[in-house]
Amino acid sequence: MTFHAPPKTQAPMNALPTYSARDLTEGGDLAQIVLDTQTYTLRITRAGKLILTK
């Protein structure tokens, strides 16, 4: 006998908070994001990619 779990439901994409990386960096290429006691750096590369580092 095999058991299959029901598929996990996900929130629709438009229900998720959405932020513009350009707004977060205020037109620059760096922003700091704080999660609890940790600070992360969000960087927009010259190629338009995002890098998040601790």
C-alpha atoms as a PDB file:
ATOM      1  CA  MET A   1       0.000   0.000   0.000  1.00  0.00           C
ATOM      2  CA  THR A   2       1.342   3.443  -0.840  1.00  0.00           C
ATOM      3  CA  PHE A   3       0.416   6.654   0.846  1.00  0.00           C
ATOM      4  CA  HIS A   4       0.494   9.995  -0.922  1.00  0.00           C
ATOM      5  CA  ALA A   5       0.347  13.175   1.107  1.00  0.00           C
ATOM      6  CA  PRO A   6      -1.983  15.868  -0.192  1.00  0.00           C
ATOM      7  CA  PRO A   7      -0.171  18.637  -2.064  1.00  0.00           C
ATOM      8  CA  LYS A   8       0.914  21.561   0.085  1.00  0.00           C
ATOM      9  CA  THR A   9      -1.050  24.707  -0.510  1.00  0.00           C
ATOM     10  CA  GLN A  10       0.841  27.920  -1.151  1.00  0.00           C
ATOM     11  CA  ALA A  11      -0.328  31.484  -0.826  1.00  0.00           C
ATOM     12  CA  PRO A  12      -1.008  33.130  -4.172  1.00  0.00           C
ATOM     13  CA  MET A  13       1.978  35.160  -5.353  1.00  0.00           C
ATOM     14  CA  ASN A  14       0.059  38.431  -5.145  1.00  0.00           C
ATOM     15  CA  ALA A  15      -0.666  37.778  -1.435  1.00  0.00           C
ATOM     16  CA  LEU A  16       3.047  37.952  -0.550  1.00  0.00           C
ATOM     17  CA  PRO A  17       4.648  41.233   0.519  1.00  0.00           C
ATOM     18  CA  THR A  18       6.547  42.655  -2.459  1.00  0.00           C
ATOM     19  CA  TYR A  19       9.355  45.199  -2.288  1.00  0.00           C
ATOM     20  CA  SER A  20      11.371  46.855  -5.013  1.00  0.00           C
ATOM     21  CA  ALA A  21      15.112  46.326  -4.526  1.00  0.00           C
ATOM     22  CA  ARG A  22      15.609  49.787  -6.065  1.00  0.00           C
ATOM     23  CA  ASP A  23      13.359  51.265  -3.366  1.00  0.00           C
ATOM     24  CA  LEU A  24      15.186  49.368  -0.620  1.00  0.00           C
ATOM     25  CA  THR A  25      18.535  50.708  -1.843  1.00  0.00           C
ATOM     26  CA  GLU A  26      17.052  54.193  -2.405  1.00  0.00           C
ATOM     27  CA  GLY A  27      18.432  54.257  -5.949  1.00  0.00           C
ATOM     28  CA  GLY A  28      21.882  53.029  -4.942  1.00  0.00           C
ATOM     29  CA  ASP A  29      23.214  49.498  -4.952  1.00  0.00           C
ATOM     30  CA  LEU A  30      23.393  48.642  -1.220  1.00  0.00           C
ATOM     31  CA  ALA A  31      20.879  48.277   1.603  1.00  0.00           C
ATOM     32  CA  GLN A  32      20.985  46.778   5.076  1.00  0.00           C
ATOM     33  CA  ILE A  33      18.270  44.373   6.196  1.00  0.00           C
ATOM     34  CA  VAL A  34      17.878  43.483   9.874  1.00  0.00           C
ATOM     35  CA  LEU A  35      16.415  40.169  11.031  1.00  0.00           C
ATOM     36  CA  ASP A  36      16.196  39.961  14.815  1.00  0.00           C
ATOM     37  CA  THR A  37      19.797  40.687  15.895  1.00  0.00           C
ATOM     38  CA  GLN A  38      21.466  39.925  12.546  1.00  0.00           C
ATOM     39  CA  THR A  39      22.217  42.543   9.899  1.00  0.00           C
ATOM     40  CA  TYR A  40      22.451  41.512   6.252  1.00  0.00           C
ATOM     41  CA  THR A  41      23.633  43.476   3.222  1.00  0.00           C
ATOM     42  CA  LEU A  42      21.624  43.442   0.019  1.00  0.00           C
ATOM     43  CA  ARG A  43      23.674  44.353  -3.050  1.00  0.00           C
ATOM     44  CA  ILE A  44      22.574  44.918  -6.627  1.00  0.00           C
ATOM     45  CA  THR A  45      25.372  43.871  -8.989  1.00  0.00           C
ATOM     46  CA  ARG A  46      26.290  45.585 -12.259  1.00  0.00           C
ATOM     47  CA  ALA A  47      24.586  42.663 -14.025  1.00  0.00           C
ATOM     48  CA  GLY A  48      21.332  43.425 -12.162  1.00  0.00           C
ATOM     49  CA  LYS A  49      21.512  40.409  -9.847  1.00  0.00           C
ATOM     50  CA  LEU A  50      20.854  40.451  -6.096  1.00  0.00           C
ATOM     51  CA  ILE A  51      23.322  39.233  -3.488  1.00  0.00           C
ATOM     52  CA  LEU A  52      22.365  38.925   0.188  1.00  0.00           C
ATOM     53  CA  THR A  53      25.268  38.505   2.621  1.00  0.00           C
ATOM     54  CA  LYS A  54      25.615  38.357   6.374  1.00  0.00           C
END
